[in-house]
Amino acid sequence: MTKKSTTDFKEKKKINSELKRIDKEYLYTEIRSLLNLEKGLFLTIKNLLLKPGKTVREYIFENREKFVKPIIFLIFVSLIFSFIINSLDINFSFFNIDKIEGFRGRLRSKEIGDWTQKNLGYSQLIMGVFISFWIKLFYKKSNYNHYEILILLSFILGEAFIIFGTFLALAVIFNSPLIGVIGSFIYFIYIIWGIGQFFGENKIKNYLKSLLAYSLGNVTYLFVLVLIAFILKQI
């Protein structure tokens, strides 16, 4: 073995000796690090609940270390939300166009509906793209770009899932559909409040713009889903 080969072998051996063995503790540490559980997850949930718009502004302009990454936050929360729905056997559909009676048989709505239902995190991200378009239009005087608006929506929609999921769980526990209805109303109000506060909490017009942007974003999103289902039917 040459001197160079010996040196390389010793270096590799040294590096390998420093690596921890992959076991249960290693996986837990990796997942905890990914979600930033030590300092981020619960702080993110709490701050978004109390001051959503201000929290997102803080993330964008001041400190990105103490909060969970927005897209990871949305996808992680949507998985927990789906788990709650399935575990409690809640008959619930979220933007499922197959539930619209007029589309059954005329469109391939089942495939689209099943995908959006099983992939709530990704479908919400896609919906966020449409909402961001309308936000950019209504708040055209702001200096935020589409990517920053998507950050806003990832946080707000993720937190809204937590709120709605909590109310749905309570509705099942107490056998009260009314609690679920209240939860859906609060879910909607929270999103409007969060978006409006982000652009300036002291102006009522920001909340009106938020209402229009979110509503039109949802309509546009559903229209595109219907269009895709129609095209698939023709193929």
C-alpha atoms as a PDB file:
ATOM      1  CA  MET A   1       0.000   0.000   0.000  1.00  0.00           C
ATOM      2  CA  THR A   2       1.431   3.364  -1.021  1.00  0.00           C
ATOM      3  CA  LYS A   3       1.878   6.261   1.362  1.00  0.00           C
ATOM      4  CA  LYS A   4      -0.980   8.170  -0.326  1.00  0.00           C
ATOM      5  CA  SER A   5      -3.317   5.160  -0.077  1.00  0.00           C
ATOM      6  CA  THR A   6      -2.443   4.728   3.604  1.00  0.00           C
ATOM      7  CA  THR A   7      -3.208   8.393   4.276  1.00  0.00           C
ATOM      8  CA  ASP A   8      -6.543   8.181   2.430  1.00  0.00           C
ATOM      9  CA  PHE A   9      -7.468   5.023   4.341  1.00  0.00           C
ATOM     10  CA  LYS A  10      -6.728   6.658   7.702  1.00  0.00           C
ATOM     11  CA  GLU A  11      -8.769   9.731   6.765  1.00  0.00           C
ATOM     12  CA  LYS A  12     -11.782   7.631   5.757  1.00  0.00           C
ATOM     13  CA  LYS A  13     -11.480   5.561   8.928  1.00  0.00           C
ATOM     14  CA  LYS A  14     -11.385   8.749  11.000  1.00  0.00           C
ATOM     15  CA  ILE A  15     -14.487  10.151   9.277  1.00  0.00           C
ATOM     16  CA  ASN A  16     -16.384   6.867   9.671  1.00  0.00           C
ATOM     17  CA  SER A  17     -15.511   6.683  13.363  1.00  0.00           C
ATOM     18  CA  GLU A  18     -17.053  10.124  13.869  1.00  0.00           C
ATOM     19  CA  LEU A  19     -20.380   9.153  12.294  1.00  0.00           C
ATOM     20  CA  LYS A  20     -23.075   7.978  14.684  1.00  0.00           C
ATOM     21  CA  ARG A  21     -24.688   4.634  14.109  1.00  0.00           C
ATOM     22  CA  ILE A  22     -28.096   4.800  12.415  1.00  0.00           C
ATOM     23  CA  ASP A  23     -30.597   3.658  15.032  1.00  0.00           C
ATOM     24  CA  LYS A  24     -33.880   4.778  16.635  1.00  0.00           C
ATOM     25  CA  GLU A  25     -32.216   7.705  18.405  1.00  0.00           C
ATOM     26  CA  TYR A  26     -30.548   8.808  15.151  1.00  0.00           C
ATOM     27  CA  LEU A  27     -33.859   8.807  13.249  1.00  0.00           C
ATOM     28  CA  TYR A  28     -35.598  10.688  16.063  1.00  0.00           C
ATOM     29  CA  THR A  29     -32.842  13.306  16.054  1.00  0.00           C
ATOM     30  CA  GLU A  30     -33.062  13.712  12.279  1.00  0.00           C
ATOM     31  CA  ILE A  31     -36.860  14.133  12.305  1.00  0.00           C
ATOM     32  CA  ARG A  32     -36.669  16.525  15.257  1.00  0.00           C
ATOM     33  CA  SER A  33     -34.009  18.548  13.457  1.00  0.00           C
ATOM     34  CA  LEU A  34     -36.048  18.609  10.250  1.00  0.00           C
ATOM     35  CA  LEU A  35     -39.107  19.989  12.006  1.00  0.00           C
ATOM     36  CA  ASN A  36     -37.043  22.151  14.357  1.00  0.00           C
ATOM     37  CA  LEU A  37     -39.083  20.762  17.271  1.00  0.00           C
ATOM     38  CA  GLU A  38     -36.687  22.005  19.917  1.00  0.00           C
ATOM     39  CA  LYS A  39     -37.567  25.623  19.380  1.00  0.00           C
ATOM     40  CA  GLY A  40     -39.767  26.004  16.310  1.00  0.00           C
ATOM     41  CA  LEU A  41     -42.933  23.956  15.982  1.00  0.00           C
ATOM     42  CA  PHE A  42     -44.890  24.969  19.060  1.00  0.00           C
ATOM     43  CA  LEU A  43     -43.625  28.546  18.916  1.00  0.00           C
ATOM     44  CA  THR A  44     -44.725  28.702  15.273  1.00  0.00           C
ATOM     45  CA  ILE A  45     -48.203  27.372  16.113  1.00  0.00           C
ATOM     46  CA  LYS A  46     -48.606  29.747  19.067  1.00  0.00           C
ATOM     47  CA  ASN A  47     -47.436  32.867  17.233  1.00  0.00           C
ATOM     48  CA  LEU A  48     -49.487  32.114  14.134  1.00  0.00           C
ATOM     49  CA  LEU A  49     -52.544  31.653  16.310  1.00  0.00           C
ATOM     50  CA  LEU A  50     -52.139  34.982  18.131  1.00  0.00           C
ATOM     51  CA  LYS A  51     -50.582  37.215  15.473  1.00  0.00           C
ATOM     52  CA  PRO A  52     -50.468  35.443  12.095  1.00  0.00           C
ATOM     53  CA  GLY A  53     -49.593  38.336   9.785  1.00  0.00           C
ATOM     54  CA  LYS A  54     -46.965  39.765  12.122  1.00  0.00           C
ATOM     55  CA  THR A  55     -45.390  36.334  12.581  1.00  0.00           C
ATOM     56  CA  VAL A  56     -44.998  35.830   8.824  1.00  0.00           C
ATOM     57  CA  ARG A  57     -43.494  39.313   8.452  1.00  0.00           C
ATOM     58  CA  GLU A  58     -41.047  38.452  11.220  1.00  0.00           C
ATOM     59  CA  TYR A  59     -40.092  35.254   9.398  1.00  0.00           C
ATOM     60  CA  ILE A  60     -39.506  37.071   6.103  1.00  0.00           C
ATOM     61  CA  PHE A  61     -37.671  40.132   7.410  1.00  0.00           C
ATOM     62  CA  GLU A  62     -36.222  39.381  10.852  1.00  0.00           C
ATOM     63  CA  ASN A  63     -35.680  35.791  11.983  1.00  0.00           C
ATOM     64  CA  ARG A  64     -36.048  32.566  10.005  1.00  0.00           C
ATOM     65  CA  GLU A  65     -34.320  30.317  12.508  1.00  0.00           C
ATOM     66  CA  LYS A  66     -36.882  30.097  15.302  1.00  0.00           C
ATOM     67  CA  PHE A  67     -39.814  29.079  13.096  1.00  0.00           C
ATOM     68  CA  VAL A  68     -40.519  25.864  11.182  1.00  0.00           C
ATOM     69  CA  LYS A  69     -39.951  26.154   7.434  1.00  0.00           C
ATOM     70  CA  PRO A  70     -43.314  27.181   5.906  1.00  0.00           C
ATOM     71  CA  ILE A  71     -43.759  24.526   3.225  1.00  0.00           C
ATOM     72  CA  ILE A  72     -42.626  21.759   5.593  1.00  0.00           C
ATOM     73  CA  PHE A  73     -45.045  23.186   8.153  1.00  0.00           C
ATOM     74  CA  LEU A  74     -47.995  23.037   5.734  1.00  0.00           C
ATOM     75  CA  ILE A  75     -47.252  19.502   4.518  1.00  0.00           C
ATOM     76  CA  PHE A  76     -46.562  18.194   8.036  1.00  0.00           C
ATOM     77  CA  VAL A  77     -49.764  19.711   9.435  1.00  0.00           C
ATOM     78  CA  SER A  78     -51.822  18.419   6.497  1.00  0.00           C
ATOM     79  CA  LEU A  79     -50.537  14.899   7.208  1.00  0.00           C
ATOM     80  CA  ILE A  80     -51.582  15.212  10.861  1.00  0.00           C
ATOM     81  CA  PHE A  81     -54.941  16.608   9.726  1.00  0.00           C
ATOM     82  CA  SER A  82     -55.459  13.634   7.390  1.00  0.00           C
ATOM     83  CA  PHE A  83     -54.482  11.254  10.196  1.00  0.00           C
ATOM     84  CA  ILE A  84     -57.094  12.802  12.507  1.00  0.00           C
ATOM     85  CA  ILE A  85     -59.774  12.550   9.809  1.00  0.00           C
ATOM     86  CA  ASN A  86     -58.977   8.905   9.078  1.00  0.00           C
ATOM     87  CA  SER A  87     -58.486   7.855  12.711  1.00  0.00           C
ATOM     88  CA  LEU A  88     -61.779   9.345  13.863  1.00  0.00           C
ATOM     89  CA  ASP A  89     -63.545   8.078  10.724  1.00  0.00           C
ATOM     90  CA  ILE A  90     -64.846  11.551   9.898  1.00  0.00           C
ATOM     91  CA  ASN A  91     -66.832  11.781   6.678  1.00  0.00           C
ATOM     92  CA  PHE A  92     -65.110  14.878   5.365  1.00  0.00           C
ATOM     93  CA  SER A  93     -64.084  16.117   1.941  1.00  0.00           C
ATOM     94  CA  PHE A  94     -61.916  19.113   1.189  1.00  0.00           C
ATOM     95  CA  PHE A  95     -62.308  20.722  -2.248  1.00  0.00           C
ATOM     96  CA  ASN A  96     -63.338  17.343  -3.655  1.00  0.00           C
ATOM     97  CA  ILE A  97     -65.057  18.054  -6.976  1.00  0.00           C
ATOM     98  CA  ASP A  98     -66.371  14.468  -7.073  1.00  0.00           C
ATOM     99  CA  LYS A  99     -68.792  15.464  -4.310  1.00  0.00           C
ATOM    100  CA  ILE A 100     -70.539  17.876  -6.701  1.00  0.00           C
ATOM    101  CA  GLU A 101     -73.517  15.967  -8.068  1.00  0.00           C
ATOM    102  CA  GLY A 102     -73.575  17.655 -11.473  1.00  0.00           C
ATOM    103  CA  PHE A 103     -70.046  16.502 -12.343  1.00  0.00           C
ATOM    104  CA  ARG A 104     -70.467  12.777 -11.714  1.00  0.00           C
ATOM    105  CA  GLY A 105     -70.421  10.791 -14.922  1.00  0.00           C
ATOM    106  CA  ARG A 106     -69.765  13.864 -17.048  1.00  0.00           C
ATOM    107  CA  LEU A 107     -66.189  14.395 -15.898  1.00  0.00           C
ATOM    108  CA  ARG A 108     -63.400  12.216 -14.556  1.00  0.00           C
ATOM    109  CA  SER A 109     -63.890  13.932 -11.231  1.00  0.00           C
ATOM    110  CA  LYS A 110     -63.241  10.885  -9.067  1.00  0.00           C
ATOM    111  CA  GLU A 111     -59.518  10.687  -9.886  1.00  0.00           C
ATOM    112  CA  ILE A 112     -59.058  14.407  -9.277  1.00  0.00           C
ATOM    113  CA  GLY A 113     -61.170  14.341  -6.124  1.00  0.00           C
ATOM    114  CA  ASP A 114     -59.339  11.330  -4.697  1.00  0.00           C
ATOM    115  CA  TRP A 115     -55.951  12.925  -5.341  1.00  0.00           C
ATOM    116  CA  THR A 116     -56.840  16.225  -3.663  1.00  0.00           C
ATOM    117  CA  GLN A 117     -58.309  14.330  -0.718  1.00  0.00           C
ATOM    118  CA  LYS A 118     -55.244  12.123  -0.237  1.00  0.00           C
ATOM    119  CA  ASN A 119     -52.706  14.911  -0.834  1.00  0.00           C
ATOM    120  CA  LEU A 120     -54.112  17.823   1.138  1.00  0.00           C
ATOM    121  CA  GLY A 121     -50.723  19.458   1.649  1.00  0.00           C
ATOM    122  CA  TYR A 122     -49.799  19.489  -2.027  1.00  0.00           C
ATOM    123  CA  SER A 123     -53.307  20.443  -3.133  1.00  0.00           C
ATOM    124  CA  GLN A 124     -53.244  23.367  -0.703  1.00  0.00           C
ATOM    125  CA  LEU A 125     -49.887  24.476  -2.115  1.00  0.00           C
ATOM    126  CA  ILE A 126     -51.366  24.391  -5.622  1.00  0.00           C
ATOM    127  CA  MET A 127     -54.412  26.298  -4.432  1.00  0.00           C
ATOM    128  CA  GLY A 128     -52.016  28.773  -2.837  1.00  0.00           C
ATOM    129  CA  VAL A 129     -50.578  29.542  -6.269  1.00  0.00           C
ATOM    130  CA  PHE A 130     -54.002  30.701  -7.466  1.00  0.00           C
ATOM    131  CA  ILE A 131     -54.710  32.638  -4.290  1.00  0.00           C
ATOM    132  CA  SER A 132     -51.305  34.323  -4.554  1.00  0.00           C
ATOM    133  CA  PHE A 133     -52.188  35.512  -8.051  1.00  0.00           C
ATOM    134  CA  TRP A 134     -55.258  37.329  -6.739  1.00  0.00           C
ATOM    135  CA  ILE A 135     -53.375  38.622  -3.697  1.00  0.00           C
ATOM    136  CA  LYS A 136     -50.712  40.042  -5.970  1.00  0.00           C
ATOM    137  CA  LEU A 137     -53.447  41.691  -8.038  1.00  0.00           C
ATOM    138  CA  PHE A 138     -55.363  43.206  -5.120  1.00  0.00           C
ATOM    139  CA  TYR A 139     -52.232  44.226  -3.202  1.00  0.00           C
ATOM    140  CA  LYS A 140     -50.318  45.379  -6.265  1.00  0.00           C
ATOM    141  CA  LYS A 141     -48.874  48.374  -4.409  1.00  0.00           C
ATOM    142  CA  SER A 142     -47.060  46.091  -1.975  1.00  0.00           C
ATOM    143  CA  ASN A 143     -43.481  45.029  -2.690  1.00  0.00           C
ATOM    144  CA  TYR A 144     -43.975  41.349  -1.924  1.00  0.00           C
ATOM    145  CA  ASN A 145     -43.215  38.866  -4.699  1.00  0.00           C
ATOM    146  CA  HIS A 146     -45.118  35.650  -5.430  1.00  0.00           C
ATOM    147  CA  TYR A 147     -42.654  33.521  -3.453  1.00  0.00           C
ATOM    148  CA  GLU A 148     -43.081  35.613  -0.308  1.00  0.00           C
ATOM    149  CA  ILE A 149     -46.850  35.433  -0.709  1.00  0.00           C
ATOM    150  CA  LEU A 150     -46.613  31.635  -0.991  1.00  0.00           C
ATOM    151  CA  ILE A 151     -44.657  31.653   2.275  1.00  0.00           C
ATOM    152  CA  LEU A 152     -47.525  33.628   3.811  1.00  0.00           C
ATOM    153  CA  LEU A 153     -50.134  31.176   2.529  1.00  0.00           C
ATOM    154  CA  SER A 154     -48.155  28.098   3.627  1.00  0.00           C
ATOM    155  CA  PHE A 155     -48.095  29.365   7.192  1.00  0.00           C
ATOM    156  CA  ILE A 156     -51.688  30.614   7.248  1.00  0.00           C
ATOM    157  CA  LEU A 157     -53.240  27.557   5.578  1.00  0.00           C
ATOM    158  CA  GLY A 158     -51.192  25.232   7.785  1.00  0.00           C
ATOM    159  CA  GLU A 159     -52.368  26.956  10.964  1.00  0.00           C
ATOM    160  CA  ALA A 160     -55.947  26.975   9.643  1.00  0.00           C
ATOM    161  CA  PHE A 161     -55.700  23.168   9.282  1.00  0.00           C
ATOM    162  CA  ILE A 162     -54.691  22.904  12.941  1.00  0.00           C
ATOM    163  CA  ILE A 163     -57.669  25.012  14.020  1.00  0.00           C
ATOM    164  CA  PHE A 164     -60.145  23.130  11.839  1.00  0.00           C
ATOM    165  CA  GLY A 165     -58.737  19.718  12.783  1.00  0.00           C
ATOM    166  CA  THR A 166     -59.092  20.548  16.476  1.00  0.00           C
ATOM    167  CA  PHE A 167     -62.739  21.514  16.046  1.00  0.00           C
ATOM    168  CA  LEU A 168     -63.486  18.387  13.987  1.00  0.00           C
ATOM    169  CA  ALA A 169     -61.936  16.209  16.689  1.00  0.00           C
ATOM    170  CA  LEU A 170     -64.021  17.961  19.353  1.00  0.00           C
ATOM    171  CA  ALA A 171     -67.133  17.533  17.197  1.00  0.00           C
ATOM    172  CA  VAL A 172     -66.587  13.770  17.164  1.00  0.00           C
ATOM    173  CA  ILE A 173     -65.672  13.532  20.859  1.00  0.00           C
ATOM    174  CA  PHE A 174     -68.766  15.459  21.960  1.00  0.00           C
ATOM    175  CA  ASN A 175     -70.936  14.125  19.128  1.00  0.00           C
ATOM    176  CA  SER A 176     -71.863  17.659  18.087  1.00  0.00           C
ATOM    177  CA  PRO A 177     -71.967  18.558  14.369  1.00  0.00           C
ATOM    178  CA  LEU A 178     -72.427  22.180  15.439  1.00  0.00           C
ATOM    179  CA  ILE A 179     -68.839  22.266  16.722  1.00  0.00           C
ATOM    180  CA  GLY A 180     -67.657  21.189  13.266  1.00  0.00           C
ATOM    181  CA  VAL A 181     -69.700  23.944  11.616  1.00  0.00           C
ATOM    182  CA  ILE A 182     -68.241  26.514  14.014  1.00  0.00           C
ATOM    183  CA  GLY A 183     -64.772  25.175  13.218  1.00  0.00           C
ATOM    184  CA  SER A 184     -65.275  25.607   9.462  1.00  0.00           C
ATOM    185  CA  PHE A 185     -66.428  29.186  10.042  1.00  0.00           C
ATOM    186  CA  ILE A 186     -63.404  29.979  12.237  1.00  0.00           C
ATOM    187  CA  TYR A 187     -61.136  28.305   9.648  1.00  0.00           C
ATOM    188  CA  PHE A 188     -62.397  30.709   6.987  1.00  0.00           C
ATOM    189  CA  ILE A 189     -62.267  33.793   9.244  1.00  0.00           C
ATOM    190  CA  TYR A 190     -58.741  32.966  10.400  1.00  0.00           C
ATOM    191  CA  ILE A 191     -57.409  32.825   6.836  1.00  0.00           C
ATOM    192  CA  ILE A 192     -58.991  36.184   5.957  1.00  0.00           C
ATOM    193  CA  TRP A 193     -57.658  37.707   9.183  1.00  0.00           C
ATOM    194  CA  GLY A 194     -54.151  36.290   8.708  1.00  0.00           C
ATOM    195  CA  ILE A 195     -53.746  37.513   5.134  1.00  0.00           C
ATOM    196  CA  GLY A 196     -55.209  40.932   5.930  1.00  0.00           C
ATOM    197  CA  GLN A 197     -52.994  41.401   8.980  1.00  0.00           C
ATOM    198  CA  PHE A 198     -49.896  40.553   6.950  1.00  0.00           C
ATOM    199  CA  PHE A 199     -50.508  43.542   4.672  1.00  0.00           C
ATOM    200  CA  GLY A 200     -51.410  45.915   7.505  1.00  0.00           C
ATOM    201  CA  GLU A 201     -53.593  45.149  10.498  1.00  0.00           C
ATOM    202  CA  ASN A 202     -54.903  48.695  10.921  1.00  0.00           C
ATOM    203  CA  LYS A 203     -56.664  49.000   7.573  1.00  0.00           C
ATOM    204  CA  ILE A 204     -60.107  47.454   7.086  1.00  0.00           C
ATOM    205  CA  LYS A 205     -59.654  47.455   3.309  1.00  0.00           C
ATOM    206  CA  ASN A 206     -56.830  44.922   3.678  1.00  0.00           C
ATOM    207  CA  TYR A 207     -59.283  42.424   5.167  1.00  0.00           C
ATOM    208  CA  LEU A 208     -61.809  43.084   2.400  1.00  0.00           C
ATOM    209  CA  LYS A 209     -59.093  42.517  -0.198  1.00  0.00           C
ATOM    210  CA  SER A 210     -58.092  39.363   1.648  1.00  0.00           C
ATOM    211  CA  LEU A 211     -61.679  38.085   1.480  1.00  0.00           C
ATOM    212  CA  LEU A 212     -61.877  38.723  -2.267  1.00  0.00           C
ATOM    213  CA  ALA A 213     -58.432  37.276  -3.011  1.00  0.00           C
ATOM    214  CA  TYR A 214     -59.065  34.094  -1.034  1.00  0.00           C
ATOM    215  CA  SER A 215     -62.558  33.588  -2.468  1.00  0.00           C
ATOM    216  CA  LEU A 216     -61.479  34.159  -6.069  1.00  0.00           C
ATOM    217  CA  GLY A 217     -58.419  31.965  -5.534  1.00  0.00           C
ATOM    218  CA  ASN A 218     -60.666  29.119  -4.429  1.00  0.00           C
ATOM    219  CA  VAL A 219     -63.011  29.606  -7.376  1.00  0.00           C
ATOM    220  CA  THR A 220     -60.090  29.665  -9.818  1.00  0.00           C
ATOM    221  CA  TYR A 221     -58.576  26.561  -8.234  1.00  0.00           C
ATOM    222  CA  LEU A 222     -61.861  24.654  -8.508  1.00  0.00           C
ATOM    223  CA  PHE A 223     -62.335  25.823 -12.092  1.00  0.00           C
ATOM    224  CA  VAL A 224     -58.918  24.440 -13.049  1.00  0.00           C
ATOM    225  CA  LEU A 225     -59.695  21.116 -11.339  1.00  0.00           C
ATOM    226  CA  VAL A 226     -62.954  20.872 -13.292  1.00  0.00           C
ATOM    227  CA  LEU A 227     -61.116  21.762 -16.520  1.00  0.00           C
ATOM    228  CA  ILE A 228     -58.519  19.032 -15.923  1.00  0.00           C
ATOM    229  CA  ALA A 229     -61.283  16.506 -15.163  1.00  0.00           C
ATOM    230  CA  PHE A 230     -63.054  17.529 -18.383  1.00  0.00           C
ATOM    231  CA  ILE A 231     -59.892  17.133 -20.473  1.00  0.00           C
ATOM    232  CA  LEU A 232     -59.207  13.707 -18.947  1.00  0.00           C
ATOM    233  CA  LYS A 233     -62.756  12.651 -19.873  1.00  0.00           C
ATOM    234  CA  GLN A 234     -62.095  13.534 -23.525  1.00  0.00           C
ATOM    235  CA  ILE A 235     -58.879  11.552 -23.749  1.00  0.00           C
END
